[in-house]
Amino acid sequence: MEGAGAGAGGALMTDTAATDAGALASGKSHAGENFPVASFIIKRPHRAVIMAFYRFARRADDIADHASAPDETKLDLLAAMEAGLAGAAERDPVAAALAAELDARGLGIEHPLDLLAAFRQDVSKRRYSDWRELMDYCRYSAAPVGRLVLDVHGESRETWPANDALCAALQVINHLQDCAEDYRALDRVYLPLDALASDGAAVEDLAGPAATPGLRRTIRNLAARTGALLDQARPLARQIRDGRLALEVAVIQRLAESLTRRLGRADPLSERVHHSKIETLVQVALGLKDRFIPRVAA
C-alpha cells in the first residue's frame, strides 16, 4: 500500500504497545502523499468524510507496514478496525468515526471493508506471480478509495471502470517508486515475478544501490502497462457530474501520467522519482486546463 515501509526504523515493541494501533503510527499525513487528498478543490461538505477515510486508511497502512510488529499483532489490530466499523468504538475509534461519517450520509462500509482485506493481504502475502494477481490486489487496495469518493459525491457507478483503472495506476506508480524500500524493509515485492524473470531480473536485484539492466527493463515495462491503465482512466473526469471533483480527477490524471513517464526513464533505486513542488504546480495547471480544454487524444 501507499506509504509502504512506515515505521521500518522502529524498535521491537513491548507487549503493551503492541496492542495499541497508535504505537505503530508512522506520523505521515495527507500532505505527504503523491496525489491530493480532499484538497481545496473538493466541496467543503464532502471533505470531512474523505479525511475520515484517509485517517482510517493511514492507520491500517501503518499497521500492515510496520517492520517489527508481529504478523499476529497486525491482524489483531486490523480485526479491531473492522470491529470499529461495526460500531465498537472502544476497539478502534478511528474506524468508528469513519463509520459514523458514512452512516450520516446514508453510505455503507463496503469500501473500508474492502480496504481492510487488502491490508490483511499485505501482512500475509509478499510476492505476486503476475500482472493479473497484482490487479486483483489493486481491486481491494486502491479501487475502494476512488469508489468511496465517487459515492460521497453521489456519482453513478458507471464511473467505476475508469475509476478502478486510475486507482490501480496510482497504486502501481507507488509500488514502482518504493520497490526497493518495500523489499529492504518488509521483504515485500509487488513487481510480478513473471515480469522479473522474463526481463532477466531477480527479486534480489532490489537490494542493490542501482537497478540492474534487467530490473530497469521490468520497471520500464510495468510503467508502460501503467500508462495503458491511465489511457483507460482518461474519460473519468468527463463522466463525473460534480464539476469540482472532475477538476480534482483531471489534476490527479495529469500527475499520474507525468510520474509514469518519469518511471519509464528513471531508476527508482538510485533516484527520487517524485514531483517537486514546482513540478506539482505545473501538472496541476495542466490538469485544470485539460478539464476545460480536453486533449485531442482523450
Protein backbone atom coordinates (compact mmCIF):
# COMPACT_ATOMS: atom_id res chain seq x y z
CA MET A 1 0.00 0.00 0.00
CA GLU A 2 0.98 3.62 -0.39
CA GLY A 3 3.44 4.58 2.33
CA ALA A 4 4.98 1.12 2.46
CA GLY A 5 7.85 0.93 4.88
CA ALA A 6 6.16 3.08 7.50
CA GLY A 7 7.72 2.53 10.87
CA ALA A 8 10.52 0.50 9.36
CA GLY A 9 13.06 2.01 11.69
CA GLY A 10 11.07 1.33 14.86
CA ALA A 11 12.37 -0.94 17.57
CA LEU A 12 10.54 -4.12 18.53
CA MET A 13 7.57 -3.04 20.61
CA THR A 14 6.71 -4.03 24.13
CA ASP A 15 3.67 -6.27 24.70
CA THR A 16 1.66 -3.29 25.91
CA ALA A 17 2.47 -1.06 22.98
CA ALA A 18 1.90 -3.89 20.51
CA THR A 19 -1.82 -3.89 21.30
CA ASP A 20 -2.18 -0.19 20.50
CA ALA A 21 -2.53 0.85 16.87
CA GLY A 22 -1.29 4.32 17.80
CA ALA A 23 2.08 2.85 18.71
CA LEU A 24 2.53 1.82 15.08
CA ALA A 25 1.75 5.24 13.62
CA SER A 26 4.25 6.47 11.05
CA GLY A 27 3.48 10.14 11.54
CA LYS A 28 2.71 10.57 7.84
CA SER A 29 -0.13 12.84 6.81
CA HIS A 30 -2.17 13.53 3.69
CA ALA A 31 0.18 16.42 2.87
CA GLY A 32 2.96 13.98 2.06
CA GLU A 33 1.02 11.84 -0.40
CA ASN A 34 1.78 11.64 -4.14
CA PHE A 35 -1.69 12.86 -5.03
CA PRO A 36 -4.13 15.37 -3.47
CA VAL A 37 -6.40 14.16 -0.66
CA ALA A 38 -9.60 16.16 -0.05
CA SER A 39 -7.93 19.26 -1.47
CA PHE A 40 -9.48 22.72 -1.55
CA ILE A 41 -10.98 21.80 -4.93
CA ILE A 42 -13.40 19.37 -3.26
CA LYS A 43 -16.58 20.92 -1.87
CA ARG A 44 -16.26 21.58 1.85
CA PRO A 45 -19.23 19.40 2.93
CA HIS A 46 -17.50 16.34 1.43
CA ARG A 47 -14.06 16.86 2.94
CA ALA A 48 -14.80 15.56 6.45
CA VAL A 49 -15.82 12.08 5.36
CA ILE A 50 -12.97 11.85 2.84
CA MET A 51 -10.47 12.84 5.53
CA ALA A 52 -12.04 10.31 7.93
CA PHE A 53 -11.47 7.66 5.27
CA TYR A 54 -7.90 8.85 4.80
CA ARG A 55 -7.20 8.60 8.54
CA PHE A 56 -8.69 5.10 8.52
CA ALA A 57 -6.53 4.06 5.55
CA ARG A 58 -3.41 5.64 7.05
CA ARG A 59 -3.96 3.82 10.34
CA ALA A 60 -4.41 0.45 8.61
CA ASP A 61 -1.43 1.12 6.33
CA ASP A 62 0.81 1.91 9.29
CA ILE A 63 -0.26 -1.33 10.96
CA ALA A 64 0.31 -3.53 7.92
CA ASP A 65 3.62 -1.87 7.01
CA HIS A 66 5.25 -1.78 10.43
CA ALA A 67 8.53 -3.63 10.06
CA SER A 68 8.87 -5.02 13.60
CA ALA A 69 5.32 -5.72 14.76
CA PRO A 70 4.46 -9.47 14.68
CA ASP A 71 2.02 -10.54 11.98
CA GLU A 72 -0.41 -11.80 14.62
CA THR A 73 -0.46 -8.38 16.25
CA LYS A 74 -1.08 -6.69 12.92
CA LEU A 75 -4.01 -8.98 12.14
CA ASP A 76 -5.47 -8.43 15.61
CA LEU A 77 -5.30 -4.66 15.16
CA LEU A 78 -6.88 -4.85 11.70
CA ALA A 79 -9.65 -7.00 13.21
CA ALA A 80 -10.18 -4.28 15.81
CA MET A 81 -10.56 -1.77 12.99
CA GLU A 82 -13.23 -3.95 11.41
CA ALA A 83 -15.00 -4.10 14.77
CA GLY A 84 -14.80 -0.32 14.93
CA LEU A 85 -16.55 -0.09 11.57
CA ALA A 86 -19.33 -2.24 13.02
CA GLY A 87 -19.81 0.24 15.87
CA ALA A 88 -17.38 -0.96 18.55
CA ALA A 89 -15.76 2.44 19.10
CA GLU A 90 -13.75 1.09 22.05
CA ARG A 91 -12.00 -1.32 19.66
CA ASP A 92 -10.90 1.38 17.24
CA PRO A 93 -12.18 4.97 17.47
CA VAL A 94 -10.74 5.95 14.06
CA ALA A 95 -12.74 3.23 12.32
CA ALA A 96 -15.84 4.05 14.35
CA ALA A 97 -15.54 7.73 13.40
CA LEU A 98 -15.44 6.80 9.72
CA ALA A 99 -18.49 4.55 10.10
CA ALA A 100 -20.39 7.43 11.73
CA GLU A 101 -19.48 9.81 8.90
CA LEU A 102 -20.63 7.28 6.31
CA ASP A 103 -23.84 6.49 8.16
CA ALA A 104 -24.69 10.20 8.39
CA ARG A 105 -24.63 10.29 4.59
CA GLY A 106 -26.56 7.07 4.11
CA LEU A 107 -23.49 5.20 2.90
CA GLY A 108 -22.36 1.72 3.89
CA ILE A 109 -18.97 0.36 4.93
CA GLU A 110 -18.23 -1.84 1.92
CA HIS A 111 -15.31 0.28 0.73
CA PRO A 112 -13.37 0.38 4.03
CA LEU A 113 -14.04 -3.35 4.44
CA ASP A 114 -12.52 -3.99 1.01
CA LEU A 115 -9.53 -1.88 2.00
CA LEU A 116 -9.02 -3.93 5.16
CA ALA A 117 -8.96 -7.08 3.02
CA ALA A 118 -6.02 -5.62 1.13
CA PHE A 119 -4.15 -4.70 4.30
CA ARG A 120 -4.62 -8.22 5.63
CA GLN A 121 -3.18 -9.47 2.37
CA ASP A 122 -0.18 -7.17 2.85
CA VAL A 123 0.50 -8.91 6.15
CA SER A 124 0.44 -12.42 4.72
CA LYS A 125 1.46 -12.12 1.05
CA ARG A 126 4.85 -10.87 -0.03
CA ARG A 127 5.08 -11.86 -3.70
CA TYR A 128 2.85 -11.51 -6.79
CA SER A 129 3.19 -14.03 -9.57
CA ASP A 130 1.81 -11.98 -12.47
CA TRP A 131 0.01 -8.79 -13.52
CA ARG A 132 -3.42 -10.36 -13.08
CA GLU A 133 -2.64 -11.15 -9.45
CA LEU A 134 -1.38 -7.61 -8.89
CA MET A 135 -4.53 -6.13 -10.45
CA ASP A 136 -6.67 -8.30 -8.17
CA TYR A 137 -4.80 -6.82 -5.22
CA CYS A 138 -5.39 -3.30 -6.56
CA ARG A 139 -9.12 -4.04 -6.72
CA TYR A 140 -9.06 -4.09 -2.91
CA SER A 141 -6.11 -1.83 -2.10
CA ALA A 142 -6.84 1.06 -4.46
CA ALA A 143 -10.23 0.96 -6.20
CA PRO A 144 -12.25 1.36 -2.96
CA VAL A 145 -10.62 4.75 -2.35
CA GLY A 146 -11.93 6.25 -5.57
CA ARG A 147 -15.23 4.41 -5.31
CA LEU A 148 -15.88 5.90 -1.89
CA VAL A 149 -15.13 9.41 -3.11
CA LEU A 150 -17.49 8.89 -6.04
CA ASP A 151 -20.23 7.58 -3.73
CA VAL A 152 -19.79 10.53 -1.38
CA HIS A 153 -20.43 12.81 -4.35
CA GLY A 154 -23.46 10.80 -5.48
CA GLU A 155 -21.83 9.80 -8.76
CA SER A 156 -23.05 6.95 -10.94
CA ARG A 157 -21.42 3.56 -10.51
CA GLU A 158 -20.95 3.58 -14.27
CA THR A 159 -17.83 5.61 -13.44
CA TRP A 160 -16.29 2.65 -11.59
CA PRO A 161 -14.41 1.01 -14.51
CA ALA A 162 -12.48 4.21 -15.30
CA ASN A 163 -12.04 4.90 -11.59
CA ASP A 164 -10.64 1.42 -10.98
CA ALA A 165 -8.14 1.86 -13.82
CA LEU A 166 -6.98 5.20 -12.40
CA CYS A 167 -6.70 3.90 -8.85
CA ALA A 168 -4.79 0.80 -9.98
CA ALA A 169 -2.40 3.03 -11.90
CA LEU A 170 -1.79 5.21 -8.83
CA GLN A 171 -1.11 2.09 -6.78
CA VAL A 172 1.39 0.66 -9.28
CA ILE A 173 3.16 4.02 -9.51
CA ASN A 174 3.66 3.87 -5.75
CA HIS A 175 4.88 0.27 -5.97
CA LEU A 176 7.45 1.24 -8.59
CA GLN A 177 8.62 4.31 -6.70
CA ASP A 178 9.07 2.34 -3.47
CA CYS A 179 10.08 -1.06 -4.85
CA ALA A 180 13.49 -1.06 -3.17
CA GLU A 181 12.22 0.22 0.18
CA ASP A 182 9.39 -2.31 0.23
CA TYR A 183 11.86 -5.15 -0.33
CA ARG A 184 14.55 -3.97 2.08
CA ALA A 185 12.22 -3.03 4.95
CA LEU A 186 9.43 -5.57 4.57
CA ASP A 187 10.61 -8.28 2.15
CA ARG A 188 7.55 -7.35 0.11
CA VAL A 189 7.72 -7.32 -3.69
CA TYR A 190 4.84 -6.09 -5.82
CA LEU A 191 6.74 -6.36 -9.11
CA PRO A 192 5.27 -9.50 -10.73
CA LEU A 193 7.67 -12.42 -10.60
CA ASP A 194 7.00 -13.46 -14.19
CA ALA A 195 7.86 -9.94 -15.38
CA LEU A 196 11.16 -10.01 -13.48
CA ALA A 197 12.02 -13.44 -14.88
CA SER A 198 11.20 -12.55 -18.49
CA ASP A 199 13.43 -9.45 -18.26
CA GLY A 200 16.36 -11.36 -16.77
CA ALA A 201 15.93 -9.78 -13.33
CA ALA A 202 15.62 -11.26 -9.85
CA VAL A 203 13.99 -10.16 -6.61
CA GLU A 204 17.45 -9.83 -5.05
CA ASP A 205 18.29 -7.07 -7.54
CA LEU A 206 16.10 -4.76 -5.43
CA ALA A 207 18.78 -4.79 -2.72
CA GLY A 208 21.35 -3.07 -4.93
CA PRO A 209 22.26 0.62 -4.94
CA ALA A 210 21.02 0.92 -8.52
CA ALA A 211 18.82 -1.14 -10.78
CA THR A 212 20.41 -3.82 -12.92
CA PRO A 213 19.66 -3.69 -16.67
CA GLY A 214 17.08 -6.44 -16.24
CA LEU A 215 15.35 -4.68 -13.37
CA ARG A 216 15.31 -1.44 -15.33
CA ARG A 217 13.55 -3.28 -18.17
CA THR A 218 10.96 -4.60 -15.72
CA ILE A 219 10.30 -1.16 -14.26
CA ARG A 220 10.08 0.37 -17.73
CA ASN A 221 7.68 -2.32 -18.94
CA LEU A 222 5.48 -2.01 -15.85
CA ALA A 223 5.43 1.76 -16.34
CA ALA A 224 4.16 1.15 -19.88
CA ARG A 225 1.37 -1.08 -18.55
CA THR A 226 0.54 1.65 -16.05
CA GLY A 227 0.31 4.08 -18.94
CA ALA A 228 -2.25 1.79 -20.57
CA LEU A 229 -4.31 1.89 -17.35
CA LEU A 230 -4.18 5.68 -17.44
CA ASP A 231 -5.44 5.63 -21.03
CA GLN A 232 -8.45 3.65 -19.77
CA ALA A 233 -8.90 6.15 -16.94
CA ARG A 234 -8.78 9.31 -19.02
CA PRO A 235 -12.57 9.54 -19.67
CA LEU A 236 -13.28 9.57 -15.91
CA ALA A 237 -13.18 13.34 -15.40
CA ARG A 238 -15.73 13.82 -18.19
CA GLN A 239 -18.01 11.13 -16.71
CA ILE A 240 -18.22 12.87 -13.32
CA ARG A 241 -21.14 15.26 -12.84
CA ASP A 242 -19.68 17.21 -9.91
CA GLY A 243 -17.53 19.88 -11.52
CA ARG A 244 -15.09 20.29 -8.65
CA LEU A 245 -14.49 16.58 -8.29
CA ALA A 246 -13.97 16.38 -12.05
CA LEU A 247 -11.28 19.06 -11.71
CA GLU A 248 -9.54 17.08 -8.96
CA VAL A 249 -9.59 13.91 -11.05
CA ALA A 250 -8.17 15.76 -14.06
CA VAL A 251 -5.31 17.00 -11.88
CA ILE A 252 -4.64 13.52 -10.49
CA GLN A 253 -4.66 12.08 -14.02
CA ARG A 254 -2.01 14.59 -15.13
CA LEU A 255 0.17 13.96 -12.07
CA ALA A 256 -0.03 10.20 -12.66
CA GLU A 257 0.83 10.47 -16.33
CA SER A 258 3.85 12.63 -15.53
CA LEU A 259 5.16 10.20 -12.89
CA THR A 260 4.60 7.24 -15.19
CA ARG A 261 6.68 8.84 -17.94
CA ARG A 262 9.40 9.55 -15.40
CA LEU A 263 9.39 5.94 -14.19
CA GLY A 264 9.89 4.90 -17.81
CA ARG A 265 13.18 6.81 -17.81
CA ALA A 266 14.48 6.90 -14.25
CA ASP A 267 15.88 4.39 -11.77
CA PRO A 268 13.87 4.43 -8.52
CA LEU A 269 16.67 2.57 -6.72
CA SER A 270 19.16 5.38 -7.22
CA GLU A 271 16.92 8.38 -7.97
CA ARG A 272 13.97 10.03 -6.25
CA VAL A 273 11.09 9.60 -8.67
CA HIS A 274 8.67 12.14 -7.23
CA HIS A 275 7.47 15.60 -8.19
CA SER A 276 8.99 18.72 -6.70
CA LYS A 277 6.55 21.37 -5.51
CA ILE A 278 7.07 23.39 -8.68
CA GLU A 279 6.58 20.34 -10.88
CA THR A 280 3.40 19.52 -8.99
CA LEU A 281 2.04 23.02 -9.58
CA VAL A 282 2.79 22.72 -13.29
CA GLN A 283 0.92 19.42 -13.51
CA VAL A 284 -1.98 20.89 -11.51
CA ALA A 285 -2.22 23.74 -14.00
CA LEU A 286 -2.16 21.28 -16.91
CA GLY A 287 -4.84 19.17 -15.26
CA LEU A 288 -7.08 22.19 -14.83
CA LYS A 289 -6.50 23.08 -18.48
CA ASP A 290 -7.44 19.55 -19.52
CA ARG A 291 -10.75 19.88 -17.74
CA PHE A 292 -11.74 22.94 -19.74
CA ILE A 293 -9.83 22.19 -22.96
CA PRO A 294 -9.84 18.37 -23.31
CA ARG A 295 -6.87 16.83 -25.04
CA VAL A 296 -7.43 15.66 -28.60
CA ALA A 297 -6.30 12.15 -27.60
CA ALA A 298 -8.85 11.96 -24.76
